[in-house]
Amino acid sequence: MDRGTGAIRRRAAAVLAALTASGLLAIAVPGQAQAASADSCEGRKIRTFTFSTGSVRLYKDGGWLCAMTFPKNTGGGKRIMMVSIQARGFGAVVDKDEYTHHAGPVKTYAGTRKVWIKGQVGRGKYESSSWKRY
């Protein structure tokens, strides 16, 4: 009886180790994908709005719109940057803080609604002149 119990325990330990390893891989891989997408917009770039100190890039993925603001000159330290996107009839989604590389991404579901876009790097700003559909 003792020999059978030992074999069962070894087999159970091996199965448990395999399940633990596969579970850790399943948790780690999606986390890396989320971290990569948190620094960029999904979809295709549809417009770039330039202004004196930078640009706002607009991306589209189905009915979703995503925007990011980039400085014209990448050198230097942190500076105030802002990006905002608002679908008509809804509140604006805004990211404003001191950054070195970019502000955003900010994402909203616009569907067929018109949107208003804003961006800022330092004292330079961009703002839509009217509600536009993309």
C-alpha atoms as a PDB file:
ATOM      1  CA  MET A   1       0.000   0.000   0.000  1.00  0.00           C
ATOM      2  CA  ASP A   2       2.806   2.416   0.789  1.00  0.00           C
ATOM      3  CA  ARG A   3       4.331   2.098  -2.695  1.00  0.00           C
ATOM      4  CA  GLY A   4       1.018   2.976  -4.361  1.00  0.00           C
ATOM      5  CA  THR A   5       0.515   6.018  -2.160  1.00  0.00           C
ATOM      6  CA  GLY A   6       4.005   7.381  -2.970  1.00  0.00           C
ATOM      7  CA  ALA A   7       3.437   7.043  -6.728  1.00  0.00           C
ATOM      8  CA  ILE A   8       0.109   8.836  -6.473  1.00  0.00           C
ATOM      9  CA  ARG A   9       1.681  11.674  -4.481  1.00  0.00           C
ATOM     10  CA  ARG A  10       4.519  12.085  -7.009  1.00  0.00           C
ATOM     11  CA  ARG A  11       2.075  12.114  -9.910  1.00  0.00           C
ATOM     12  CA  ALA A  12      -0.179  14.626  -8.113  1.00  0.00           C
ATOM     13  CA  ALA A  13       2.833  16.873  -7.409  1.00  0.00           C
ATOM     14  CA  ALA A  14       3.874  16.756 -11.094  1.00  0.00           C
ATOM     15  CA  VAL A  15       0.353  17.628 -12.256  1.00  0.00           C
ATOM     16  CA  LEU A  16       0.130  20.466  -9.731  1.00  0.00           C
ATOM     17  CA  ALA A  17       3.493  21.861 -10.879  1.00  0.00           C
ATOM     18  CA  ALA A  18       2.398  21.750 -14.535  1.00  0.00           C
ATOM     19  CA  LEU A  19      -0.898  23.493 -13.766  1.00  0.00           C
ATOM     20  CA  THR A  20       0.862  26.174 -11.722  1.00  0.00           C
ATOM     21  CA  ALA A  21       3.358  26.858 -14.527  1.00  0.00           C
ATOM     22  CA  SER A  22       0.630  27.089 -17.177  1.00  0.00           C
ATOM     23  CA  GLY A  23      -1.440  29.349 -14.926  1.00  0.00           C
ATOM     24  CA  LEU A  24       1.499  31.708 -14.402  1.00  0.00           C
ATOM     25  CA  LEU A  25       2.085  31.890 -18.163  1.00  0.00           C
ATOM     26  CA  ALA A  26      -1.583  32.637 -18.795  1.00  0.00           C
ATOM     27  CA  ILE A  27      -1.453  35.514 -16.309  1.00  0.00           C
ATOM     28  CA  ALA A  28       1.907  36.947 -17.439  1.00  0.00           C
ATOM     29  CA  VAL A  29       1.319  37.058 -21.201  1.00  0.00           C
ATOM     30  CA  PRO A  30      -1.905  39.148 -21.226  1.00  0.00           C
ATOM     31  CA  GLY A  31      -0.329  41.562 -18.738  1.00  0.00           C
ATOM     32  CA  GLN A  32       2.496  42.256 -21.158  1.00  0.00           C
ATOM     33  CA  ALA A  33       0.052  42.879 -23.999  1.00  0.00           C
ATOM     34  CA  GLN A  34      -1.909  45.343 -21.865  1.00  0.00           C
ATOM     35  CA  ALA A  35       1.230  47.207 -20.881  1.00  0.00           C
ATOM     36  CA  ALA A  36       2.217  47.589 -24.534  1.00  0.00           C
ATOM     37  CA  SER A  37      -1.216  48.900 -25.559  1.00  0.00           C
ATOM     38  CA  ALA A  38      -1.318  51.377 -22.669  1.00  0.00           C
ATOM     39  CA  ASP A  39       1.417  53.409 -24.391  1.00  0.00           C
ATOM     40  CA  SER A  40      -0.175  53.562 -27.830  1.00  0.00           C
ATOM     41  CA  CYS A  41      -3.450  53.683 -29.695  1.00  0.00           C
ATOM     42  CA  GLU A  42      -4.917  50.720 -31.507  1.00  0.00           C
ATOM     43  CA  GLY A  43      -6.219  51.000 -35.053  1.00  0.00           C
ATOM     44  CA  ARG A  44      -5.002  53.047 -37.988  1.00  0.00           C
ATOM     45  CA  LYS A  45      -3.802  56.631 -37.867  1.00  0.00           C
ATOM     46  CA  ILE A  46      -6.386  58.763 -39.669  1.00  0.00           C
ATOM     47  CA  ARG A  47      -5.259  62.353 -38.966  1.00  0.00           C
ATOM     48  CA  THR A  48      -2.386  64.380 -37.558  1.00  0.00           C
ATOM     49  CA  PHE A  49      -3.143  67.890 -36.321  1.00  0.00           C
ATOM     50  CA  THR A  50       0.033  69.966 -36.036  1.00  0.00           C
ATOM     51  CA  PHE A  51       0.545  73.116 -33.980  1.00  0.00           C
ATOM     52  CA  SER A  52       3.517  75.271 -32.982  1.00  0.00           C
ATOM     53  CA  THR A  53       4.940  72.997 -30.266  1.00  0.00           C
ATOM     54  CA  GLY A  54       3.663  69.543 -31.227  1.00  0.00           C
ATOM     55  CA  SER A  55       0.950  67.438 -32.813  1.00  0.00           C
ATOM     56  CA  VAL A  56      -2.166  65.447 -31.975  1.00  0.00           C
ATOM     57  CA  ARG A  57      -2.485  62.061 -33.663  1.00  0.00           C
ATOM     58  CA  LEU A  58      -5.936  60.546 -34.118  1.00  0.00           C
ATOM     59  CA  TYR A  59      -6.464  56.793 -34.571  1.00  0.00           C
ATOM     60  CA  LYS A  60      -9.599  54.829 -35.468  1.00  0.00           C
ATOM     61  CA  ASP A  61     -10.517  51.223 -34.683  1.00  0.00           C
ATOM     62  CA  GLY A  62     -14.106  50.470 -35.667  1.00  0.00           C
ATOM     63  CA  GLY A  63     -16.238  53.079 -33.893  1.00  0.00           C
ATOM     64  CA  TRP A  64     -13.494  53.788 -31.344  1.00  0.00           C
ATOM     65  CA  LEU A  65     -11.323  56.898 -31.606  1.00  0.00           C
ATOM     66  CA  CYS A  66      -8.032  57.298 -29.769  1.00  0.00           C
ATOM     67  CA  ALA A  67      -5.799  60.381 -29.532  1.00  0.00           C
ATOM     68  CA  MET A  68      -2.274  61.165 -28.326  1.00  0.00           C
ATOM     69  CA  THR A  69      -0.284  64.416 -28.172  1.00  0.00           C
ATOM     70  CA  PHE A  70       3.431  64.469 -29.030  1.00  0.00           C
ATOM     71  CA  PRO A  71       5.943  67.315 -28.657  1.00  0.00           C
ATOM     72  CA  LYS A  72       7.704  68.716 -31.739  1.00  0.00           C
ATOM     73  CA  ASN A  73      11.082  68.601 -29.967  1.00  0.00           C
ATOM     74  CA  THR A  74      11.701  65.492 -27.896  1.00  0.00           C
ATOM     75  CA  GLY A  75      14.674  66.937 -25.995  1.00  0.00           C
ATOM     76  CA  GLY A  76      14.347  68.590 -22.631  1.00  0.00           C
ATOM     77  CA  GLY A  77      12.600  67.602 -19.466  1.00  0.00           C
ATOM     78  CA  LYS A  78       9.023  67.295 -18.434  1.00  0.00           C
ATOM     79  CA  ARG A  79       6.491  69.818 -19.680  1.00  0.00           C
ATOM     80  CA  ILE A  80       2.749  70.251 -19.514  1.00  0.00           C
ATOM     81  CA  MET A  81       1.033  68.126 -22.158  1.00  0.00           C
ATOM     82  CA  MET A  82      -2.644  67.527 -22.710  1.00  0.00           C
ATOM     83  CA  VAL A  83      -4.873  65.561 -25.044  1.00  0.00           C
ATOM     84  CA  SER A  84      -8.668  65.544 -25.026  1.00  0.00           C
ATOM     85  CA  ILE A  85     -11.300  63.842 -27.142  1.00  0.00           C
ATOM     86  CA  GLN A  86     -15.042  64.337 -26.749  1.00  0.00           C
ATOM     87  CA  ALA A  87     -17.837  62.597 -28.631  1.00  0.00           C
ATOM     88  CA  ARG A  88     -20.809  64.921 -29.068  1.00  0.00           C
ATOM     89  CA  GLY A  89     -23.322  64.420 -26.277  1.00  0.00           C
ATOM     90  CA  PHE A  90     -20.757  62.896 -23.909  1.00  0.00           C
ATOM     91  CA  GLY A  91     -18.091  64.201 -21.552  1.00  0.00           C
ATOM     92  CA  ALA A  92     -14.514  64.768 -22.655  1.00  0.00           C
ATOM     93  CA  VAL A  93     -11.825  62.181 -21.948  1.00  0.00           C
ATOM     94  CA  VAL A  94      -8.730  64.159 -20.888  1.00  0.00           C
ATOM     95  CA  ASP A  95      -5.129  63.364 -20.000  1.00  0.00           C
ATOM     96  CA  LYS A  96      -3.197  66.395 -18.737  1.00  0.00           C
ATOM     97  CA  ASP A  97       0.021  66.312 -16.715  1.00  0.00           C
ATOM     98  CA  GLU A  98       3.764  66.875 -17.000  1.00  0.00           C
ATOM     99  CA  TYR A  99       5.271  64.392 -19.466  1.00  0.00           C
ATOM    100  CA  THR A 100       8.499  63.971 -21.417  1.00  0.00           C
ATOM    101  CA  HIS A 101       7.285  61.874 -24.391  1.00  0.00           C
ATOM    102  CA  HIS A 102       3.515  62.108 -24.935  1.00  0.00           C
ATOM    103  CA  ALA A 103       0.099  62.669 -23.388  1.00  0.00           C
ATOM    104  CA  GLY A 104      -2.492  59.950 -23.755  1.00  0.00           C
ATOM    105  CA  PRO A 105      -3.725  57.721 -25.086  1.00  0.00           C
ATOM    106  CA  VAL A 106      -7.324  58.796 -24.512  1.00  0.00           C
ATOM    107  CA  LYS A 107     -10.044  56.664 -26.043  1.00  0.00           C
ATOM    108  CA  THR A 108     -13.775  57.077 -26.586  1.00  0.00           C
ATOM    109  CA  TYR A 109     -16.483  55.323 -28.538  1.00  0.00           C
ATOM    110  CA  ALA A 110     -17.764  57.793 -31.108  1.00  0.00           C
ATOM    111  CA  GLY A 111     -19.637  55.496 -33.482  1.00  0.00           C
ATOM    112  CA  THR A 112     -21.039  57.949 -36.041  1.00  0.00           C
ATOM    113  CA  ARG A 113     -21.013  60.927 -33.654  1.00  0.00           C
ATOM    114  CA  LYS A 114     -18.995  64.051 -34.302  1.00  0.00           C
ATOM    115  CA  VAL A 115     -16.027  64.710 -32.026  1.00  0.00           C
ATOM    116  CA  TRP A 116     -14.050  67.649 -30.598  1.00  0.00           C
ATOM    117  CA  ILE A 117     -10.282  67.280 -30.193  1.00  0.00           C
ATOM    118  CA  LYS A 118      -7.767  69.318 -28.178  1.00  0.00           C
ATOM    119  CA  GLY A 119      -4.038  69.052 -27.611  1.00  0.00           C
ATOM    120  CA  GLN A 120      -1.346  71.034 -25.821  1.00  0.00           C
ATOM    121  CA  VAL A 121       2.430  70.961 -25.399  1.00  0.00           C
ATOM    122  CA  GLY A 122       3.752  73.789 -23.222  1.00  0.00           C
ATOM    123  CA  ARG A 123       2.198  77.057 -24.434  1.00  0.00           C
ATOM    124  CA  GLY A 124       1.260  75.747 -27.868  1.00  0.00           C
ATOM    125  CA  LYS A 125      -2.269  74.416 -28.326  1.00  0.00           C
ATOM    126  CA  TYR A 126      -4.555  72.795 -30.868  1.00  0.00           C
ATOM    127  CA  GLU A 127      -8.342  72.837 -30.717  1.00  0.00           C
ATOM    128  CA  SER A 128     -10.908  71.681 -33.269  1.00  0.00           C
ATOM    129  CA  SER A 129     -12.583  74.536 -35.104  1.00  0.00           C
ATOM    130  CA  SER A 130     -15.881  72.619 -35.183  1.00  0.00           C
ATOM    131  CA  TRP A 131     -17.446  69.240 -34.411  1.00  0.00           C
ATOM    132  CA  LYS A 132     -16.188  66.742 -37.011  1.00  0.00           C
ATOM    133  CA  ARG A 133     -17.014  63.153 -37.916  1.00  0.00           C
ATOM    134  CA  TYR A 134     -14.126  60.749 -38.549  1.00  0.00           C
END
